[in-house]
Amino acid sequence: MSNEFAIGSKVRIVALPPYVKTADPMPMLRPPDVICIGEEGIVIDRRPGGYWGIRFAKGAFLLDSQYIESTDTPPESHLEQ
């Protein structure tokens, strides 16, 4: 099951992968401690293979949707009454 995120939406890290891949034109693998659980970023694009490009304070990285969740709240009209 793959979550879909809108470009420009805010997301939060819920789990760390074994490594993270930079979102550079020539991606490089980095240790997972360059980001931390709970850190928030902004979705910048969708990449092949089910990856999302996300901009964090320490740079842009590619993450699978299983490691992130949306932090954008739905409009009040969609909340239960």
PDB file of N, CA and C in Angstrom:
ATOM      1  N   MET A   1       0.845  -1.177   0.000  1.00  0.00           N
ATOM      2  CA  MET A   1       0.000   0.000   0.000  1.00  0.00           C
ATOM      3  C   MET A   1       0.889   1.239   0.000  1.00  0.00           C
ATOM      4  N   SER A   2       0.755   2.071  -1.001  1.00  0.00           N
ATOM      5  CA  SER A   2       1.589   3.255  -1.141  1.00  0.00           C
ATOM      6  C   SER A   2       0.769   4.510  -0.904  1.00  0.00           C
ATOM      7  N   ASN A   3       1.249   5.369  -0.016  1.00  0.00           N
ATOM      8  CA  ASN A   3       0.588   6.636   0.233  1.00  0.00           C
ATOM      9  C   ASN A   3       0.941   7.604  -0.874  1.00  0.00           C
ATOM     10  N   GLU A   4       0.022   8.494  -1.187  1.00  0.00           N
ATOM     11  CA  GLU A   4       0.275   9.536  -2.160  1.00  0.00           C
ATOM     12  C   GLU A   4       0.353  10.866  -1.427  1.00  0.00           C
ATOM     13  N   PHE A   5       1.312  11.691  -1.799  1.00  0.00           N
ATOM     14  CA  PHE A   5       1.507  12.992  -1.184  1.00  0.00           C
ATOM     15  C   PHE A   5       1.513  14.045  -2.277  1.00  0.00           C
ATOM     16  N   ALA A   6       0.947  15.198  -1.983  1.00  0.00           N
ATOM     17  CA  ALA A   6       0.942  16.302  -2.944  1.00  0.00           C
ATOM     18  C   ALA A   6       2.304  16.997  -2.910  1.00  0.00           C
ATOM     19  N   ILE A   7       2.757  17.455  -4.069  1.00  0.00           N
ATOM     20  CA  ILE A   7       4.000  18.202  -4.138  1.00  0.00           C
ATOM     21  C   ILE A   7       3.820  19.473  -3.299  1.00  0.00           C
ATOM     22  N   GLY A   8       4.772  19.754  -2.436  1.00  0.00           N
ATOM     23  CA  GLY A   8       4.691  20.918  -1.570  1.00  0.00           C
ATOM     24  C   GLY A   8       4.077  20.638  -0.208  1.00  0.00           C
ATOM     25  N   SER A   9       3.556  19.416  -0.003  1.00  0.00           N
ATOM     26  CA  SER A   9       2.960  19.084   1.295  1.00  0.00           C
ATOM     27  C   SER A   9       4.046  18.743   2.306  1.00  0.00           C
ATOM     28  N   LYS A  10       3.714  18.902   3.577  1.00  0.00           N
ATOM     29  CA  LYS A  10       4.663  18.595   4.649  1.00  0.00           C
ATOM     30  C   LYS A  10       4.498  17.147   5.079  1.00  0.00           C
ATOM     31  N   VAL A  11       5.628  16.500   5.317  1.00  0.00           N
ATOM     32  CA  VAL A  11       5.642  15.115   5.781  1.00  0.00           C
ATOM     33  C   VAL A  11       6.590  14.980   6.962  1.00  0.00           C
ATOM     34  N   ARG A  12       6.426  13.902   7.737  1.00  0.00           N
ATOM     35  CA  ARG A  12       7.245  13.634   8.923  1.00  0.00           C
ATOM     36  C   ARG A  12       7.822  12.233   8.807  1.00  0.00           C
ATOM     37  N   ILE A  13       9.064  12.068   9.263  1.00  0.00           N
ATOM     38  CA  ILE A  13       9.715  10.754   9.288  1.00  0.00           C
ATOM     39  C   ILE A  13       9.112   9.943  10.426  1.00  0.00           C
ATOM     40  N   VAL A  14       8.630   8.727  10.124  1.00  0.00           N
ATOM     41  CA  VAL A  14       8.065   7.856  11.156  1.00  0.00           C
ATOM     42  C   VAL A  14       8.964   6.656  11.444  1.00  0.00           C
ATOM     43  N   ALA A  15       9.875   6.353  10.532  1.00  0.00           N
ATOM     44  CA  ALA A  15      10.835   5.260  10.713  1.00  0.00           C
ATOM     45  C   ALA A  15      12.051   5.569   9.840  1.00  0.00           C
ATOM     46  N   LEU A  16      13.203   5.073  10.248  1.00  0.00           N
ATOM     47  CA  LEU A  16      14.427   5.304   9.471  1.00  0.00           C
ATOM     48  C   LEU A  16      14.762   4.087   8.613  1.00  0.00           C
ATOM     49  N   PRO A  17      15.083   4.315   7.343  1.00  0.00           N
ATOM     50  CA  PRO A  17      15.530   3.201   6.497  1.00  0.00           C
ATOM     51  C   PRO A  17      16.964   2.814   6.868  1.00  0.00           C
ATOM     52  N   PRO A  18      17.469   1.700   6.354  1.00  0.00           N
ATOM     53  CA  PRO A  18      18.849   1.288   6.661  1.00  0.00           C
ATOM     54  C   PRO A  18      19.876   2.301   6.149  1.00  0.00           C
ATOM     55  N   TYR A  19      19.519   3.069   5.127  1.00  0.00           N
ATOM     56  CA  TYR A  19      20.356   4.126   4.566  1.00  0.00           C
ATOM     57  C   TYR A  19      19.427   5.094   3.856  1.00  0.00           C
ATOM     58  N   VAL A  20      19.893   6.310   3.583  1.00  0.00           N
ATOM     59  CA  VAL A  20      19.108   7.266   2.810  1.00  0.00           C
ATOM     60  C   VAL A  20      19.873   7.629   1.549  1.00  0.00           C
ATOM     61  N   LYS A  21      19.131   7.925   0.508  1.00  0.00           N
ATOM     62  CA  LYS A  21      19.717   8.283  -0.780  1.00  0.00           C
ATOM     63  C   LYS A  21      19.475   9.774  -1.003  1.00  0.00           C
ATOM     64  N   THR A  22      20.522  10.500  -1.387  1.00  0.00           N
ATOM     65  CA  THR A  22      20.355  11.925  -1.656  1.00  0.00           C
ATOM     66  C   THR A  22      19.520  12.106  -2.918  1.00  0.00           C
ATOM     67  N   ALA A  23      18.877  13.259  -3.049  1.00  0.00           N
ATOM     68  CA  ALA A  23      18.041  13.544  -4.216  1.00  0.00           C
ATOM     69  C   ALA A  23      18.815  14.346  -5.264  1.00  0.00           C
ATOM     70  N   ASP A  24      20.117  14.208  -5.273  1.00  0.00           N
ATOM     71  CA  ASP A  24      20.977  14.894  -6.237  1.00  0.00           C
ATOM     72  C   ASP A  24      20.851  14.243  -7.614  1.00  0.00           C
ATOM     73  N   PRO A  25      21.320  14.948  -8.673  1.00  0.00           N
ATOM     74  CA  PRO A  25      21.296  14.334 -10.006  1.00  0.00           C
ATOM     75  C   PRO A  25      22.039  12.991 -10.045  1.00  0.00           C
ATOM     76  N   MET A  26      23.106  12.868  -9.253  1.00  0.00           N
ATOM     77  CA  MET A  26      23.791  11.588  -9.099  1.00  0.00           C
ATOM     78  C   MET A  26      23.658  11.196  -7.621  1.00  0.00           C
ATOM     79  N   PRO A  27      22.577  10.466  -7.269  1.00  0.00           N
ATOM     80  CA  PRO A  27      22.319  10.158  -5.853  1.00  0.00           C
ATOM     81  C   PRO A  27      23.453   9.381  -5.194  1.00  0.00           C
ATOM     82  N   MET A  28      23.643   9.661  -3.909  1.00  0.00           N
ATOM     83  CA  MET A  28      24.640   8.958  -3.105  1.00  0.00           C
ATOM     84  C   MET A  28      23.958   8.413  -1.859  1.00  0.00           C
ATOM     85  N   LEU A  29      24.441   7.301  -1.362  1.00  0.00           N
ATOM     86  CA  LEU A  29      23.898   6.723  -0.140  1.00  0.00           C
ATOM     87  C   LEU A  29      24.555   7.382   1.069  1.00  0.00           C
ATOM     88  N   ARG A  30      23.724   7.659   2.069  1.00  0.00           N
ATOM     89  CA  ARG A  30      24.197   8.255   3.313  1.00  0.00           C
ATOM     90  C   ARG A  30      23.695   7.419   4.483  1.00  0.00           C
ATOM     91  N   PRO A  31      24.378   7.477   5.620  1.00  0.00           N
ATOM     92  CA  PRO A  31      23.874   6.758   6.800  1.00  0.00           C
ATOM     93  C   PRO A  31      22.549   7.390   7.239  1.00  0.00           C
ATOM     94  N   PRO A  32      21.697   6.611   7.882  1.00  0.00           N
ATOM     95  CA  PRO A  32      20.373   7.125   8.243  1.00  0.00           C
ATOM     96  C   PRO A  32      20.391   8.226   9.300  1.00  0.00           C
ATOM     97  N   ASP A  33      21.528   8.433   9.989  1.00  0.00           N
ATOM     98  CA  ASP A  33      21.542   9.444  11.045  1.00  0.00           C
ATOM     99  C   ASP A  33      21.638  10.884  10.529  1.00  0.00           C
ATOM    100  N   VAL A  34      21.619  11.090   9.194  1.00  0.00           N
ATOM    101  CA  VAL A  34      21.574  12.458   8.676  1.00  0.00           C
ATOM    102  C   VAL A  34      20.180  13.060   8.863  1.00  0.00           C
ATOM    103  N   ILE A  35      19.183  12.206   9.078  1.00  0.00           N
ATOM    104  CA  ILE A  35      17.829  12.646   9.409  1.00  0.00           C
ATOM    105  C   ILE A  35      17.403  11.897  10.672  1.00  0.00           C
ATOM    106  N   CYS A  36      16.365  12.370  11.329  1.00  0.00           N
ATOM    107  CA  CYS A  36      15.929  11.693  12.548  1.00  0.00           C
ATOM    108  C   CYS A  36      14.410  11.510  12.541  1.00  0.00           C
ATOM    109  N   ILE A  37      13.945  10.539  13.314  1.00  0.00           N
ATOM    110  CA  ILE A  37      12.510  10.280  13.417  1.00  0.00           C
ATOM    111  C   ILE A  37      11.839  11.527  13.982  1.00  0.00           C
ATOM    112  N   GLY A  38      10.752  11.920  13.373  1.00  0.00           N
ATOM    113  CA  GLY A  38      10.017  13.111  13.788  1.00  0.00           C
ATOM    114  C   GLY A  38      10.388  14.357  13.005  1.00  0.00           C
ATOM    115  N   GLU A  39      11.492  14.300  12.252  1.00  0.00           N
ATOM    116  CA  GLU A  39      11.906  15.460  11.455  1.00  0.00           C
ATOM    117  C   GLU A  39      10.904  15.690  10.333  1.00  0.00           C
ATOM    118  N   GLU A  40      10.603  16.955  10.064  1.00  0.00           N
ATOM    119  CA  GLU A  40       9.632  17.301   9.027  1.00  0.00           C
ATOM    120  C   GLU A  40      10.330  17.868   7.808  1.00  0.00           C
ATOM    121  N   GLY A  41       9.742  17.588   6.652  1.00  0.00           N
ATOM    122  CA  GLY A  41      10.267  18.086   5.394  1.00  0.00           C
ATOM    123  C   GLY A  41       9.144  18.377   4.430  1.00  0.00           C
ATOM    124  N   ILE A  42       9.494  18.857   3.255  1.00  0.00           N
ATOM    125  CA  ILE A  42       8.517  19.212   2.222  1.00  0.00           C
ATOM    126  C   ILE A  42       8.751  18.352   0.995  1.00  0.00           C
ATOM    127  N   VAL A  43       7.675  17.772   0.479  1.00  0.00           N
ATOM    128  CA  VAL A  43       7.754  16.926  -0.719  1.00  0.00           C
ATOM    129  C   VAL A  43       8.094  17.810  -1.914  1.00  0.00           C
ATOM    130  N   ILE A  44       9.171  17.469  -2.621  1.00  0.00           N
ATOM    131  CA  ILE A  44       9.578  18.256  -3.785  1.00  0.00           C
ATOM    132  C   ILE A  44       9.259  17.563  -5.110  1.00  0.00           C
ATOM    133  N   ASP A  45       9.192  16.217  -5.110  1.00  0.00           N
ATOM    134  CA  ASP A  45       8.824  15.510  -6.337  1.00  0.00           C
ATOM    135  C   ASP A  45       8.595  14.028  -6.078  1.00  0.00           C
ATOM    136  N   ARG A  46       8.085  13.365  -7.112  1.00  0.00           N
ATOM    137  CA  ARG A  46       7.858  11.920  -7.096  1.00  0.00           C
ATOM    138  C   ARG A  46       8.890  11.302  -8.021  1.00  0.00           C
ATOM    139  N   ARG A  47       9.555  10.248  -7.579  1.00  0.00           N
ATOM    140  CA  ARG A  47      10.599   9.601  -8.384  1.00  0.00           C
ATOM    141  C   ARG A  47      10.184   8.181  -8.749  1.00  0.00           C
ATOM    142  N   PRO A  48      10.780   7.623  -9.798  1.00  0.00           N
ATOM    143  CA  PRO A  48      10.492   6.229 -10.158  1.00  0.00           C
ATOM    144  C   PRO A  48      10.870   5.277  -9.024  1.00  0.00           C
ATOM    145  N   GLY A  49      10.224   4.153  -8.974  1.00  0.00           N
ATOM    146  CA  GLY A  49      10.526   3.151  -7.962  1.00  0.00           C
ATOM    147  C   GLY A  49       9.798   3.385  -6.655  1.00  0.00           C
ATOM    148  N   GLY A  50       8.834   4.286  -6.642  1.00  0.00           N
ATOM    149  CA  GLY A  50       8.062   4.538  -5.426  1.00  0.00           C
ATOM    150  C   GLY A  50       8.729   5.470  -4.437  1.00  0.00           C
ATOM    151  N   TYR A  51       9.708   6.235  -4.871  1.00  0.00           N
ATOM    152  CA  TYR A  51      10.414   7.150  -3.972  1.00  0.00           C
ATOM    153  C   TYR A  51       9.848   8.563  -4.063  1.00  0.00           C
ATOM    154  N   TRP A  52       9.950   9.291  -2.945  1.00  0.00           N
ATOM    155  CA  TRP A  52       9.540  10.693  -2.861  1.00  0.00           C
ATOM    156  C   TRP A  52      10.778  11.524  -2.581  1.00  0.00           C
ATOM    157  N   GLY A  53      10.942  12.602  -3.320  1.00  0.00           N
ATOM    158  CA  GLY A  53      12.000  13.558  -3.041  1.00  0.00           C
ATOM    159  C   GLY A  53      11.503  14.504  -1.965  1.00  0.00           C
ATOM    160  N   ILE A  54      12.242  14.598  -0.857  1.00  0.00           N
ATOM    161  CA  ILE A  54      11.804  15.416   0.275  1.00  0.00           C
ATOM    162  C   ILE A  54      12.948  16.316   0.718  1.00  0.00           C
ATOM    163  N   ARG A  55      12.652  17.605   0.877  1.00  0.00           N
ATOM    164  CA  ARG A  55      13.651  18.572   1.324  1.00  0.00           C
ATOM    165  C   ARG A  55      13.573  18.693   2.842  1.00  0.00           C
ATOM    166  N   PHE A  56      14.696  18.408   3.499  1.00  0.00           N
ATOM    167  CA  PHE A  56      14.840  18.557   4.944  1.00  0.00           C
ATOM    168  C   PHE A  56      15.850  19.661   5.214  1.00  0.00           C
ATOM    169  N   ALA A  57      16.062  19.990   6.484  1.00  0.00           N
ATOM    170  CA  ALA A  57      17.013  21.040   6.848  1.00  0.00           C
ATOM    171  C   ALA A  57      18.430  20.693   6.390  1.00  0.00           C
ATOM    172  N   LYS A  58      18.794  19.410   6.403  1.00  0.00           N
ATOM    173  CA  LYS A  58      20.155  18.992   6.041  1.00  0.00           C
ATOM    174  C   LYS A  58      20.303  18.594   4.580  1.00  0.00           C
ATOM    175  N   GLY A  59      19.269  18.818   3.769  1.00  0.00           N
ATOM    176  CA  GLY A  59      19.351  18.492   2.358  1.00  0.00           C
ATOM    177  C   GLY A  59      18.121  17.760   1.862  1.00  0.00           C
ATOM    178  N   ALA A  60      18.150  17.375   0.594  1.00  0.00           N
ATOM    179  CA  ALA A  60      17.035  16.657  -0.027  1.00  0.00           C
ATOM    180  C   ALA A  60      17.389  15.180  -0.148  1.00  0.00           C
ATOM    181  N   PHE A  61      16.427  14.334   0.220  1.00  0.00           N
ATOM    182  CA  PHE A  61      16.653  12.896   0.210  1.00  0.00           C
ATOM    183  C   PHE A  61      15.479  12.179  -0.435  1.00  0.00           C
ATOM    184  N   LEU A  62      15.730  10.956  -0.913  1.00  0.00           N
ATOM    185  CA  LEU A  62      14.692  10.112  -1.495  1.00  0.00           C
ATOM    186  C   LEU A  62      14.258   9.087  -0.464  1.00  0.00           C
ATOM    187  N   LEU A  63      12.951   9.046  -0.178  1.00  0.00           N
ATOM    188  CA  LEU A  63      12.427   8.106   0.801  1.00  0.00           C
ATOM    189  C   LEU A  63      11.197   7.408   0.263  1.00  0.00           C
ATOM    190  N   ASP A  64      11.040   6.156   0.633  1.00  0.00           N
ATOM    191  CA  ASP A  64       9.854   5.382   0.302  1.00  0.00           C
ATOM    192  C   ASP A  64       8.710   5.857   1.193  1.00  0.00           C
ATOM    193  N   SER A  65       7.479   5.725   0.727  1.00  0.00           N
ATOM    194  CA  SER A  65       6.323   6.217   1.482  1.00  0.00           C
ATOM    195  C   SER A  65       6.129   5.495   2.816  1.00  0.00           C
ATOM    196  N   GLN A  66       6.703   4.309   2.998  1.00  0.00           N
ATOM    197  CA  GLN A  66       6.548   3.593   4.278  1.00  0.00           C
ATOM    198  C   GLN A  66       7.284   4.285   5.423  1.00  0.00           C
ATOM    199  N   TYR A  67       8.218   5.186   5.105  1.00  0.00           N
ATOM    200  CA  TYR A  67       9.001   5.866   6.129  1.00  0.00           C
ATOM    201  C   TYR A  67       8.476   7.253   6.476  1.00  0.00           C
ATOM    202  N   ILE A  68       7.426   7.709   5.787  1.00  0.00           N
ATOM    203  CA  ILE A  68       6.919   9.058   6.014  1.00  0.00           C
ATOM    204  C   ILE A  68       5.406   9.068   6.179  1.00  0.00           C
ATOM    205  N   GLU A  69       4.909  10.124   6.824  1.00  0.00           N
ATOM    206  CA  GLU A  69       3.471  10.345   6.945  1.00  0.00           C
ATOM    207  C   GLU A  69       3.201  11.825   6.734  1.00  0.00           C
ATOM    208  N   SER A  70       2.002  12.139   6.294  1.00  0.00           N
ATOM    209  CA  SER A  70       1.623  13.523   6.058  1.00  0.00           C
ATOM    210  C   SER A  70       1.379  14.236   7.380  1.00  0.00           C
ATOM    211  N   THR A  71       1.785  15.500   7.447  1.00  0.00           N
ATOM    212  CA  THR A  71       1.496  16.310   8.633  1.00  0.00           C
ATOM    213  C   THR A  71       0.467  17.381   8.326  1.00  0.00           C
ATOM    214  N   ASP A  72       0.067  17.485   7.063  1.00  0.00           N
ATOM    215  CA  ASP A  72      -0.960  18.457   6.697  1.00  0.00           C
ATOM    216  C   ASP A  72      -2.290  18.013   7.282  1.00  0.00           C
ATOM    217  N   THR A  73      -2.990  18.933   7.921  1.00  0.00           N
ATOM    218  CA  THR A  73      -4.281  18.606   8.512  1.00  0.00           C
ATOM    219  C   THR A  73      -5.377  18.859   7.491  1.00  0.00           C
ATOM    220  N   PRO A  74      -6.415  18.018   7.476  1.00  0.00           N
ATOM    221  CA  PRO A  74      -7.504  18.232   6.530  1.00  0.00           C
ATOM    222  C   PRO A  74      -8.295  19.480   6.909  1.00  0.00           C
ATOM    223  N   PRO A  75      -8.974  20.096   5.952  1.00  0.00           N
ATOM    224  CA  PRO A  75      -9.800  21.259   6.265  1.00  0.00           C
ATOM    225  C   PRO A  75     -10.881  20.888   7.282  1.00  0.00           C
ATOM    226  N   GLU A  76     -11.330  21.873   8.058  1.00  0.00           N
ATOM    227  CA  GLU A  76     -12.303  21.611   9.109  1.00  0.00           C
ATOM    228  C   GLU A  76     -13.604  21.019   8.573  1.00  0.00           C
ATOM    229  N   SER A  77     -13.960  21.311   7.341  1.00  0.00           N
ATOM    230  CA  SER A  77     -15.214  20.811   6.775  1.00  0.00           C
ATOM    231  C   SER A  77     -15.209  19.285   6.635  1.00  0.00           C
ATOM    232  N   HIS A  78     -14.006  18.668   6.645  1.00  0.00           N
ATOM    233  CA  HIS A  78     -13.910  17.215   6.503  1.00  0.00           C
ATOM    234  C   HIS A  78     -13.873  16.491   7.847  1.00  0.00           C
ATOM    235  N   LEU A  79     -13.822  17.243   8.935  1.00  0.00           N
ATOM    236  CA  LEU A  79     -13.797  16.619  10.255  1.00  0.00           C
ATOM    237  C   LEU A  79     -15.200  16.170  10.639  1.00  0.00           C
ATOM    238  N   GLU A  80     -15.267  15.130  11.492  1.00  0.00           N
ATOM    239  CA  GLU A  80     -16.570  14.640  11.941  1.00  0.00           C
ATOM    240  C   GLU A  80     -17.288  15.715  12.722  1.00  0.00           C
ATOM    241  N   GLN A  81     -18.605  15.762  12.524  1.00  0.00           N
ATOM    242  CA  GLN A  81     -19.400  16.780  13.208  1.00  0.00           C
ATOM    243  C   GLN A  81     -20.154  16.178  14.352  1.00  0.00           C
TER     244      GLN A  81
END
